[in-house]
Protein backbone atom coordinates (compact mmCIF):
# COMPACT_ATOMS: atom_id res chain seq x y z
CA MET A 1 -51.68 33.52 122.01
CA GLU A 2 -49.57 31.69 119.46
CA TYR A 3 -46.13 32.82 118.29
CA ASN A 4 -47.40 34.06 114.91
CA GLU A 5 -50.22 36.00 116.58
CA ARG A 6 -47.69 37.71 118.85
CA ILE A 7 -45.53 38.67 115.87
CA GLU A 8 -48.57 40.01 114.01
CA ARG A 9 -49.56 42.10 117.05
CA ILE A 10 -46.02 43.48 117.31
CA GLU A 11 -46.19 44.45 113.63
CA GLU A 12 -49.56 46.14 114.25
CA ILE A 13 -48.09 48.10 117.15
CA ILE A 14 -45.17 49.25 115.01
CA GLY A 15 -47.60 50.32 112.28
CA GLU A 16 -49.76 52.23 114.75
CA ILE A 17 -46.75 54.07 116.16
CA ASN A 18 -45.37 54.81 112.69
CA SER A 19 -48.74 56.18 111.58
CA GLY A 20 -48.25 59.18 113.86
CA ASN A 21 -51.87 58.92 115.01
CA VAL A 22 -51.02 57.73 118.51
CA ASP A 23 -50.98 59.86 121.64
CA PRO A 24 -47.45 59.92 123.15
CA VAL A 25 -48.76 58.37 126.37
CA GLU A 26 -50.25 55.53 124.34
CA ILE A 27 -46.95 55.05 122.52
CA MET A 28 -45.28 54.10 125.80
CA LYS A 29 -48.07 51.64 126.59
CA LYS A 30 -47.80 50.11 123.14
CA ILE A 31 -44.03 49.79 123.45
CA GLU A 32 -44.45 48.02 126.78
CA GLU A 33 -46.99 45.65 125.21
CA ALA A 34 -44.61 44.93 122.32
CA LYS A 35 -41.71 44.31 124.70
CA LYS A 36 -43.84 41.84 126.68
CA LEU A 37 -44.81 40.02 123.49
CA LEU A 38 -41.18 39.89 122.36
CA LYS A 39 -40.14 38.36 125.67
CA GLU A 40 -42.87 35.74 125.30
CA CYS A 41 -41.64 34.95 121.78
CA GLU A 42 -38.07 34.70 123.01
CA LYS A 43 -39.11 32.32 125.79
CA GLN A 44 -41.01 30.15 123.32
CA LEU A 45 -38.06 30.03 120.89
CA LYS A 46 -35.66 29.08 123.67
CA GLN A 47 -38.00 26.28 124.70
CA LEU A 48 -38.04 24.98 121.12
CA THR A 49 -34.24 24.82 121.04
CA ILE A 50 -34.18 22.99 124.37
CA ASP A 51 -36.78 20.48 123.19
CA ASN A 52 -34.83 19.70 120.01
């Protein structure tokens, strides 16, 4: 998954949670998914700064 795709998915997760149509158990799963994606984005950004 590319950086922009990760960011888009994170935005989708935020929208789903904000919609109020998500079971509380699912909210925790979605937050964990978003956290994982954020860590992947962070790792990719750090690699870009090292490469430059």
